[in-house]
C-alpha atoms as a PDB file:
ATOM      1  CA  UNK A   1       0.000   0.000   0.000  1.00  0.00           C
ATOM      2  CA  UNK A   2       2.800   2.473   0.825  1.00  0.00           C
ATOM      3  CA  UNK A   3       4.310   2.010  -2.635  1.00  0.00           C
ATOM      4  CA  UNK A   4       0.958   2.819  -4.151  1.00  0.00           C
ATOM      5  CA  UNK A   5       0.513   5.892  -1.934  1.00  0.00           C
ATOM      6  CA  UNK A   6       3.838   7.323  -3.099  1.00  0.00           C
ATOM      7  CA  UNK A   7       2.588   7.036  -6.685  1.00  0.00           C
ATOM      8  CA  UNK A   8      -0.254   9.493  -5.951  1.00  0.00           C
ATOM      9  CA  UNK A   9       1.662  12.693  -6.703  1.00  0.00           C
ATOM     10  CA  UNK A  10      -1.232  15.063  -7.462  1.00  0.00           C
ATOM     11  CA  UNK A  11      -3.675  16.710  -5.098  1.00  0.00           C
ATOM     12  CA  UNK A  12      -7.238  17.916  -5.565  1.00  0.00           C
ATOM     13  CA  UNK A  13     -10.219  19.169  -3.583  1.00  0.00           C
ATOM     14  CA  UNK A  14     -13.524  17.285  -3.483  1.00  0.00           C
ATOM     15  CA  UNK A  15     -16.809  19.171  -3.257  1.00  0.00           C
ATOM     16  CA  UNK A  16     -20.200  17.775  -2.266  1.00  0.00           C
ATOM     17  CA  UNK A  17     -23.577  19.151  -3.297  1.00  0.00           C
ATOM     18  CA  UNK A  18     -25.377  20.846  -0.418  1.00  0.00           C
ATOM     19  CA  UNK A  19     -29.089  21.627  -0.682  1.00  0.00           C
ATOM     20  CA  UNK A  20     -30.256  24.870   0.903  1.00  0.00           C
ATOM     21  CA  UNK A  21     -32.800  27.651   0.393  1.00  0.00           C
ATOM     22  CA  UNK A  22     -32.351  31.244  -0.689  1.00  0.00           C
ATOM     23  CA  UNK A  23     -33.977  34.421   0.692  1.00  0.00           C
ATOM     24  CA  UNK A  24     -37.146  33.652  -1.303  1.00  0.00           C
ATOM     25  CA  UNK A  25     -37.319  30.199   0.300  1.00  0.00           C
ATOM     26  CA  UNK A  26     -36.507  28.554  -3.049  1.00  0.00           C
ATOM     27  CA  UNK A  27     -34.494  25.346  -3.084  1.00  0.00           C
ATOM     28  CA  UNK A  28     -30.976  25.867  -4.398  1.00  0.00           C
ATOM     29  CA  UNK A  29     -27.874  23.726  -4.650  1.00  0.00           C
ATOM     30  CA  UNK A  30     -24.459  24.877  -3.579  1.00  0.00           C
ATOM     31  CA  UNK A  31     -21.135  23.089  -3.355  1.00  0.00           C
ATOM     32  CA  UNK A  32     -19.158  22.627  -0.141  1.00  0.00           C
ATOM     33  CA  UNK A  33     -15.524  21.600   0.026  1.00  0.00           C
ATOM     34  CA  UNK A  34     -15.555  18.304   1.916  1.00  0.00           C
ATOM     35  CA  UNK A  35     -11.934  17.220   1.356  1.00  0.00           C
ATOM     36  CA  UNK A  36      -8.886  19.416   0.742  1.00  0.00           C
ATOM     37  CA  UNK A  37      -5.587  18.472  -0.870  1.00  0.00           C
ATOM     38  CA  UNK A  38      -6.622  14.868  -1.436  1.00  0.00           C
ATOM     39  CA  UNK A  39      -3.696  12.742  -2.552  1.00  0.00           C
ATOM     40  CA  UNK A  40      -4.473  11.418  -6.051  1.00  0.00           C
ATOM     41  CA  UNK A  41      -3.092  10.883  -9.553  1.00  0.00           C
ATOM     42  CA  UNK A  42      -4.556  12.278 -12.780  1.00  0.00           C
ATOM     43  CA  UNK A  43      -4.178  10.603 -16.170  1.00  0.00           C
ATOM     44  CA  UNK A  44      -5.719  11.713 -19.442  1.00  0.00           C
ATOM     45  CA  UNK A  45      -8.061   9.032 -20.729  1.00  0.00           C
ATOM     46  CA  UNK A  46      -6.768   7.046 -23.666  1.00  0.00           C
ATOM     47  CA  UNK A  47      -8.208   7.041 -27.156  1.00  0.00           C
ATOM     48  CA  UNK A  48      -9.325   3.445 -26.590  1.00  0.00           C
ATOM     49  CA  UNK A  49     -11.250   4.397 -23.442  1.00  0.00           C
ATOM     50  CA  UNK A  50     -12.950   7.268 -25.264  1.00  0.00           C
ATOM     51  CA  UNK A  51     -13.875   4.978 -28.165  1.00  0.00           C
ATOM     52  CA  UNK A  52     -15.365   2.386 -25.797  1.00  0.00           C
ATOM     53  CA  UNK A  53     -17.549   4.970 -24.064  1.00  0.00           C
ATOM     54  CA  UNK A  54     -18.849   7.044 -27.011  1.00  0.00           C
ATOM     55  CA  UNK A  55     -22.358   8.203 -26.184  1.00  0.00           C
ATOM     56  CA  UNK A  56     -22.154   6.746 -22.693  1.00  0.00           C
ATOM     57  CA  UNK A  57     -19.703   9.097 -20.996  1.00  0.00           C
ATOM     58  CA  UNK A  58     -19.194  12.016 -23.361  1.00  0.00           C
ATOM     59  CA  UNK A  59     -16.279  14.412 -22.918  1.00  0.00           C
ATOM     60  CA  UNK A  60     -14.462  12.416 -20.237  1.00  0.00           C
ATOM     61  CA  UNK A  61     -11.055  14.002 -19.796  1.00  0.00           C
ATOM     62  CA  UNK A  62      -9.307  12.254 -16.916  1.00  0.00           C
ATOM     63  CA  UNK A  63      -9.083   9.025 -14.986  1.00  0.00           C
ATOM     64  CA  UNK A  64      -8.202   9.927 -11.397  1.00  0.00           C
ATOM     65  CA  UNK A  65      -6.818   7.482  -8.836  1.00  0.00           C
ATOM     66  CA  UNK A  66      -7.415   7.782  -5.071  1.00  0.00           C
ATOM     67  CA  UNK A  67      -6.701   5.563  -2.093  1.00  0.00           C
ATOM     68  CA  UNK A  68      -9.570   3.131  -1.528  1.00  0.00           C
ATOM     69  CA  UNK A  69     -10.579   4.815   1.742  1.00  0.00           C
ATOM     70  CA  UNK A  70     -11.285   8.130   0.010  1.00  0.00           C
ATOM     71  CA  UNK A  71     -14.976   9.011  -0.127  1.00  0.00           C
ATOM     72  CA  UNK A  72     -16.006  10.127  -3.609  1.00  0.00           C
ATOM     73  CA  UNK A  73     -19.248   9.552  -5.516  1.00  0.00           C
ATOM     74  CA  UNK A  74     -20.911  10.563  -8.759  1.00  0.00           C
ATOM     75  CA  UNK A  75     -22.674  13.276  -6.758  1.00  0.00           C
ATOM     76  CA  UNK A  76     -19.338  15.045  -6.153  1.00  0.00           C
ATOM     77  CA  UNK A  77     -17.124  17.477  -8.023  1.00  0.00           C
ATOM     78  CA  UNK A  78     -13.345  17.615  -8.138  1.00  0.00           C
ATOM     79  CA  UNK A  79     -11.281  20.785  -8.347  1.00  0.00           C
ATOM     80  CA  UNK A  80      -7.838  20.243  -9.859  1.00  0.00           C
ATOM     81  CA  UNK A  81      -5.443  23.029 -10.839  1.00  0.00           C
ATOM     82  CA  UNK A  82      -8.264  25.588 -10.713  1.00  0.00           C
ATOM     83  CA  UNK A  83     -10.671  23.617 -12.926  1.00  0.00           C
ATOM     84  CA  UNK A  84     -13.917  21.982 -11.809  1.00  0.00           C
ATOM     85  CA  UNK A  85     -14.812  18.465 -12.939  1.00  0.00           C
ATOM     86  CA  UNK A  86     -17.938  16.364 -12.704  1.00  0.00           C
ATOM     87  CA  UNK A  87     -17.482  12.811 -11.414  1.00  0.00           C
ATOM     88  CA  UNK A  88     -19.038  10.453 -13.969  1.00  0.00           C
ATOM     89  CA  UNK A  89     -18.216   7.009 -12.612  1.00  0.00           C
ATOM     90  CA  UNK A  90     -16.261   5.603  -9.640  1.00  0.00           C
ATOM     91  CA  UNK A  91     -14.675   2.144  -9.449  1.00  0.00           C
ATOM     92  CA  UNK A  92     -12.850   0.342  -6.615  1.00  0.00           C
ATOM     93  CA  UNK A  93     -10.210  -2.213  -7.578  1.00  0.00           C
ATOM     94  CA  UNK A  94     -10.779  -5.839  -6.605  1.00  0.00           C
ATOM     95  CA  UNK A  95      -7.968  -5.786  -4.020  1.00  0.00           C
ATOM     96  CA  UNK A  96      -9.423  -2.616  -2.420  1.00  0.00           C
ATOM     97  CA  UNK A  97      -6.139  -0.679  -2.729  1.00  0.00           C
ATOM     98  CA  UNK A  98      -7.463   2.205  -4.774  1.00  0.00           C
ATOM     99  CA  UNK A  99     -10.463   3.849  -6.408  1.00  0.00           C
ATOM    100  CA  UNK A 100     -10.480   5.479  -9.779  1.00  0.00           C
ATOM    101  CA  UNK A 101     -12.975   7.919 -11.183  1.00  0.00           C
ATOM    102  CA  UNK A 102     -13.717   9.137 -14.671  1.00  0.00           C
ATOM    103  CA  UNK A 103     -14.295  12.902 -14.701  1.00  0.00           C
ATOM    104  CA  UNK A 104     -15.148  15.616 -17.204  1.00  0.00           C
ATOM    105  CA  UNK A 105     -14.624  19.348 -17.096  1.00  0.00           C
ATOM    106  CA  UNK A 106     -17.591  21.544 -16.321  1.00  0.00           C
END
């Protein structure tokens, strides 16, 4: 596990959707930072991955790896290098060492 952790050389913030109401008592959604400087690793998706997912997950830009204990869902957003990304799909590996998520820029 420690060898894997050292491979996660990027960091990002994870935001979770928070329902609330405005001054007119209308329901609104805002985003709250739930995790800061999360250790991760970003890779651009490959041409083969894009081809396999045409129409299913349009405009996916990155595959991001996290430690398996990191909480992240398709309801979250990721901020990396000043850009916001929507989480499209999250997978956990069979050995439970890591999670990876496909994300696209907002």
